[in-house]
Protein backbone atom coordinates (compact mmCIF):
# COMPACT_ATOMS: atom_id res chain seq x y z
CA UNK A 1 -162.30 65.31 8.70
CA UNK A 2 -158.94 64.49 10.30
CA UNK A 3 -158.49 61.52 12.63
CA UNK A 4 -155.70 60.01 14.71
CA UNK A 5 -155.20 57.57 17.59
CA UNK A 6 -153.43 58.30 20.85
CA UNK A 7 -150.82 55.97 22.33
CA UNK A 8 -153.52 54.43 24.54
CA UNK A 9 -155.51 53.47 21.42
CA UNK A 10 -158.27 56.06 21.87
CA UNK A 11 -159.46 57.65 18.62
CA UNK A 12 -159.51 61.42 18.17
CA UNK A 13 -160.85 63.50 15.33
CA UNK A 14 -162.22 66.82 14.23
CA UNK A 15 -163.80 68.48 11.25
CA UNK A 16 -161.16 70.55 9.49
CA UNK A 17 -161.70 73.40 7.09
CA UNK A 18 -158.13 73.71 5.90
CA UNK A 19 -156.65 70.78 3.99
CA UNK A 20 -154.55 70.81 0.86
CA UNK A 21 -152.35 68.77 -1.40
CA UNK A 22 -148.77 69.96 -1.01
CA UNK A 23 -146.52 67.80 -3.20
CA UNK A 24 -146.78 64.95 -5.71
CA UNK A 25 -143.25 63.60 -5.23
CA UNK A 26 -143.27 62.67 -2.45
CA UNK A 27 -147.03 62.67 -1.97
CA UNK A 28 -147.62 65.21 0.79
CA UNK A 29 -150.77 66.81 2.18
CA UNK A 30 -151.29 69.33 4.93
CA UNK A 31 -153.99 69.99 7.51
CA UNK A 32 -154.24 73.04 9.75
CA UNK A 33 -155.47 72.72 13.34
CA UNK A 34 -156.12 75.65 15.66
CA UNK A 35 -153.56 75.76 18.49
CA UNK A 36 -156.38 76.00 21.04
CA UNK A 37 -158.01 72.77 19.81
CA UNK A 38 -158.25 70.17 22.58
CA UNK A 39 -157.17 67.27 20.33
CA UNK A 40 -154.13 68.96 18.77
CA UNK A 41 -151.75 67.28 21.25
CA UNK A 42 -153.06 63.83 20.25
CA UNK A 43 -152.31 64.61 16.59
CA UNK A 44 -148.83 65.88 17.39
CA UNK A 45 -147.94 62.93 19.63
CA UNK A 46 -149.27 60.15 17.40
CA UNK A 47 -147.06 60.77 14.38
CA UNK A 48 -149.90 59.97 11.98
CA UNK A 49 -153.30 61.15 10.80
CA UNK A 50 -155.92 60.32 8.21
CA UNK A 51 -157.97 62.71 6.13
CA UNK A 52 -161.45 61.19 5.80
CA UNK A 53 -163.26 62.80 2.86
CA UNK A 54 -166.97 62.84 3.62
CA UNK A 55 -169.77 62.01 1.21
CA UNK A 56 -172.50 64.45 0.26
CA UNK A 57 -174.95 62.88 2.73
CA UNK A 58 -172.59 62.99 5.74
CA UNK A 59 -173.25 66.54 6.91
CA UNK A 60 -174.36 65.22 10.32
CA UNK A 61 -170.98 63.54 10.81
CA UNK A 62 -169.18 66.75 9.89
CA UNK A 63 -171.27 68.79 12.34
CA UNK A 64 -170.82 66.17 15.08
CA UNK A 65 -167.03 66.23 14.82
CA UNK A 66 -167.04 70.05 14.68
CA UNK A 67 -169.34 70.72 17.64
CA UNK A 68 -169.40 67.73 20.00
CA UNK A 69 -166.55 68.14 22.52
CA UNK A 70 -166.55 64.54 23.85
CA UNK A 71 -167.64 61.16 22.52
CA UNK A 72 -167.29 62.02 18.85
CA UNK A 73 -166.62 58.37 18.01
CA UNK A 74 -169.46 56.96 20.16
CA UNK A 75 -171.61 54.79 17.90
CA UNK A 76 -169.44 55.51 14.84
CA UNK A 77 -168.10 52.56 12.86
CA UNK A 78 -164.39 52.81 12.07
CA UNK A 79 -161.34 50.66 11.44
CA UNK A 80 -157.61 51.09 11.92
CA UNK A 81 -155.75 52.29 8.83
CA UNK A 82 -152.23 51.43 7.72
CA UNK A 83 -150.71 54.13 9.95
CA UNK A 84 -152.93 53.33 12.93
CA UNK A 85 -155.29 56.23 12.30
CA UNK A 86 -159.06 55.74 12.46
CA UNK A 87 -160.73 55.32 9.07
CA UNK A 88 -164.43 56.18 9.24
CA UNK A 89 -166.85 53.70 7.70
CA UNK A 90 -168.64 54.82 4.55
CA UNK A 91 -166.57 57.88 3.70
CA UNK A 92 -165.90 58.87 0.09
CA UNK A 93 -162.13 58.68 0.37
CA UNK A 94 -159.20 58.46 2.76
CA UNK A 95 -155.64 59.75 2.73
CA UNK A 96 -153.77 57.87 5.46
CA UNK A 97 -150.63 59.82 6.38
CA UNK A 98 -147.45 59.68 8.42
CA UNK A 99 -146.63 63.09 9.91
CA UNK A 100 -143.32 64.35 8.55
CA UNK A 101 -143.37 67.98 9.71
CA UNK A 102 -145.28 70.32 12.01
CA UNK A 103 -145.19 74.04 11.28
CA UNK A 104 -146.44 76.93 13.44
CA UNK A 105 -148.28 79.52 11.41
CA UNK A 106 -150.53 82.20 12.83
CA UNK A 107 -152.95 80.70 15.36
CA UNK A 108 -152.71 77.23 13.77
CA UNK A 109 -150.27 74.35 13.55
CA UNK A 110 -149.91 72.80 10.13
CA UNK A 111 -149.32 69.06 10.03
CA UNK A 112 -147.59 67.89 6.88
CA UNK A 113 -148.21 64.23 6.16
CA UNK A 114 -146.68 61.81 3.69
CA UNK A 115 -149.48 59.79 2.15
CA UNK A 116 -149.03 56.10 2.99
CA UNK A 117 -152.26 54.82 1.44
CA UNK A 118 -155.24 56.17 -0.50
CA UNK A 119 -158.79 54.86 -0.75
CA UNK A 120 -161.32 56.39 -3.14
CA UNK A 121 -164.96 55.35 -3.44
CA UNK A 122 -167.86 56.34 -5.65
CA UNK A 123 -170.10 59.26 -4.89
CA UNK A 124 -170.05 63.00 -4.45
CA UNK A 125 -168.10 64.92 -1.78
CA UNK A 126 -169.58 66.92 1.04
CA UNK A 127 -168.76 70.55 0.24
CA UNK A 128 -168.40 73.40 2.73
CA UNK A 129 -168.21 76.76 0.97
CA UNK A 130 -168.91 80.36 2.05
CA UNK A 131 -169.62 79.24 5.65
CA UNK A 132 -172.31 76.74 4.61
CA UNK A 133 -172.74 73.24 3.21
CA UNK A 134 -173.40 73.17 -0.52
CA UNK A 135 -173.90 70.69 -3.34
CA UNK A 136 -171.80 70.46 -6.46
CA UNK A 137 -173.79 71.28 -9.55
CA UNK A 138 -173.42 69.07 -12.62
CA UNK A 139 -171.79 70.74 -15.61
């Protein structure tokens, strides 16, 4: 899930299905957001975003941020990260990023972010694979 805050302090976020590590030195990640997405402008204008990595039991949060057009943060606990981006309470991990580049590609815009801070907790990640939520199997 990607989150950001607008200049007026309002939080914005969405469930993303395209996120990747890009570089180790400097530490860069990228997220892709559909150009028709209503919150894209907030991400572009803010200059920062956070990737909130959801836990296995947070499917409802993922669905909420994917399908609910307004009020996604209503009743959701969050705090302000180092960049100013919303950090969701109880997530497995967070990559808090400063946007360093925006690239047009196909019907998406790719935001490249330099990782400012990382938080990693214990647990298992929520996995979305083959158009469905799945669980990781133990080896």
